[in-house]
Amino acid sequence: MFRKNNKLIWILFIFLILPLKTFSFLKINVDPMYVEMDIRKQQAQVKKTNRYYRYRLRYQDMLR
């Protein structure tokens, strides 16, 4: 009886641990997308600032 109970406990233990592991893997799979989006946003901001500086330089050349 004790061994059967022990097996049942192990099965329950595995069923409790596996979902947590899968959720953690899902989180790891989801995080890089958000990181990539953040990097793209930063790149877009840099592009905007570069454009702004280019226009500023052009207008400064025109004013001279």
C-alpha atoms as a PDB file:
ATOM      1  CA  MET A   1       0.000   0.000   0.000  1.00  0.00           C
ATOM      2  CA  PHE A   2       2.709   2.460   0.930  1.00  0.00           C
ATOM      3  CA  ARG A   3       4.568   1.917  -2.352  1.00  0.00           C
ATOM      4  CA  LYS A   4       1.385   2.492  -4.376  1.00  0.00           C
ATOM      5  CA  ASN A   5       0.752   5.683  -2.429  1.00  0.00           C
ATOM      6  CA  ASN A   6       4.324   6.716  -3.042  1.00  0.00           C
ATOM      7  CA  LYS A   7       3.875   6.221  -6.793  1.00  0.00           C
ATOM      8  CA  LEU A   8       0.680   8.264  -6.723  1.00  0.00           C
ATOM      9  CA  ILE A   9       2.499  11.032  -4.860  1.00  0.00           C
ATOM     10  CA  TRP A  10       5.297  10.977  -7.473  1.00  0.00           C
ATOM     11  CA  ILE A  11       2.741  11.165 -10.305  1.00  0.00           C
ATOM     12  CA  LEU A  12       0.985  14.108  -8.636  1.00  0.00           C
ATOM     13  CA  PHE A  13       4.372  15.745  -8.018  1.00  0.00           C
ATOM     14  CA  ILE A  14       5.325  15.386 -11.692  1.00  0.00           C
ATOM     15  CA  PHE A  15       1.955  16.737 -12.844  1.00  0.00           C
ATOM     16  CA  LEU A  16       2.400  19.715 -10.524  1.00  0.00           C
ATOM     17  CA  ILE A  17       5.969  20.449 -11.647  1.00  0.00           C
ATOM     18  CA  LEU A  18       5.573  19.948 -15.418  1.00  0.00           C
ATOM     19  CA  PRO A  19       3.035  22.796 -15.941  1.00  0.00           C
ATOM     20  CA  LEU A  20       5.282  25.199 -14.027  1.00  0.00           C
ATOM     21  CA  LYS A  21       8.219  24.240 -16.256  1.00  0.00           C
ATOM     22  CA  THR A  22       6.148  24.629 -19.423  1.00  0.00           C
ATOM     23  CA  PHE A  23       4.951  28.056 -18.253  1.00  0.00           C
ATOM     24  CA  SER A  24       8.538  29.087 -17.560  1.00  0.00           C
ATOM     25  CA  PHE A  25       9.560  27.935 -21.053  1.00  0.00           C
ATOM     26  CA  LEU A  26       6.648  29.890 -22.543  1.00  0.00           C
ATOM     27  CA  LYS A  27       7.811  32.987 -20.649  1.00  0.00           C
ATOM     28  CA  ILE A  28      11.355  32.488 -21.979  1.00  0.00           C
ATOM     29  CA  ASN A  29       9.934  32.152 -25.518  1.00  0.00           C
ATOM     30  CA  VAL A  30       7.780  35.278 -25.126  1.00  0.00           C
ATOM     31  CA  ASP A  31      10.392  37.602 -23.568  1.00  0.00           C
ATOM     32  CA  PRO A  32      12.758  37.941 -26.607  1.00  0.00           C
ATOM     33  CA  MET A  33       9.834  39.235 -28.704  1.00  0.00           C
ATOM     34  CA  TYR A  34       9.283  42.086 -26.240  1.00  0.00           C
ATOM     35  CA  VAL A  35      13.030  42.733 -26.153  1.00  0.00           C
ATOM     36  CA  GLU A  36      13.102  42.827 -29.968  1.00  0.00           C
ATOM     37  CA  MET A  37      10.159  45.244 -29.998  1.00  0.00           C
ATOM     38  CA  ASP A  38      11.980  47.502 -27.514  1.00  0.00           C
ATOM     39  CA  ILE A  39      15.132  47.403 -29.666  1.00  0.00           C
ATOM     40  CA  ARG A  40      13.072  48.298 -32.759  1.00  0.00           C
ATOM     41  CA  LYS A  41      11.485  51.210 -30.897  1.00  0.00           C
ATOM     42  CA  GLN A  42      14.931  52.443 -29.862  1.00  0.00           C
ATOM     43  CA  GLN A  43      16.170  52.122 -33.464  1.00  0.00           C
ATOM     44  CA  ALA A  44      13.121  54.080 -34.673  1.00  0.00           C
ATOM     45  CA  GLN A  45      13.872  56.831 -32.130  1.00  0.00           C
ATOM     46  CA  VAL A  46      17.511  56.937 -33.273  1.00  0.00           C
ATOM     47  CA  LYS A  47      16.396  57.170 -36.910  1.00  0.00           C
ATOM     48  CA  LYS A  48      14.070  60.052 -36.031  1.00  0.00           C
ATOM     49  CA  THR A  49      16.824  61.902 -34.189  1.00  0.00           C
ATOM     50  CA  ASN A  50      19.264  61.307 -37.060  1.00  0.00           C
ATOM     51  CA  ARG A  51      16.706  62.685 -39.528  1.00  0.00           C
ATOM     52  CA  TYR A  52      16.160  65.713 -37.287  1.00  0.00           C
ATOM     53  CA  TYR A  53      19.903  66.407 -37.061  1.00  0.00           C
ATOM     54  CA  ARG A  54      20.299  66.001 -40.830  1.00  0.00           C
ATOM     55  CA  TYR A  55      17.520  68.524 -41.465  1.00  0.00           C
ATOM     56  CA  ARG A  56      19.020  70.889 -38.896  1.00  0.00           C
ATOM     57  CA  LEU A  57      22.408  70.696 -40.582  1.00  0.00           C
ATOM     58  CA  ARG A  58      20.806  71.317 -43.981  1.00  0.00           C
ATOM     59  CA  TYR A  59      18.934  74.385 -42.706  1.00  0.00           C
ATOM     60  CA  GLN A  60      22.100  75.681 -41.008  1.00  0.00           C
ATOM     61  CA  ASP A  61      23.936  75.363 -44.345  1.00  0.00           C
ATOM     62  CA  MET A  62      21.068  77.277 -46.049  1.00  0.00           C
ATOM     63  CA  LEU A  63      21.190  80.032 -43.408  1.00  0.00           C
ATOM     64  CA  ARG A  64      24.941  80.544 -43.815  1.00  0.00           C
END
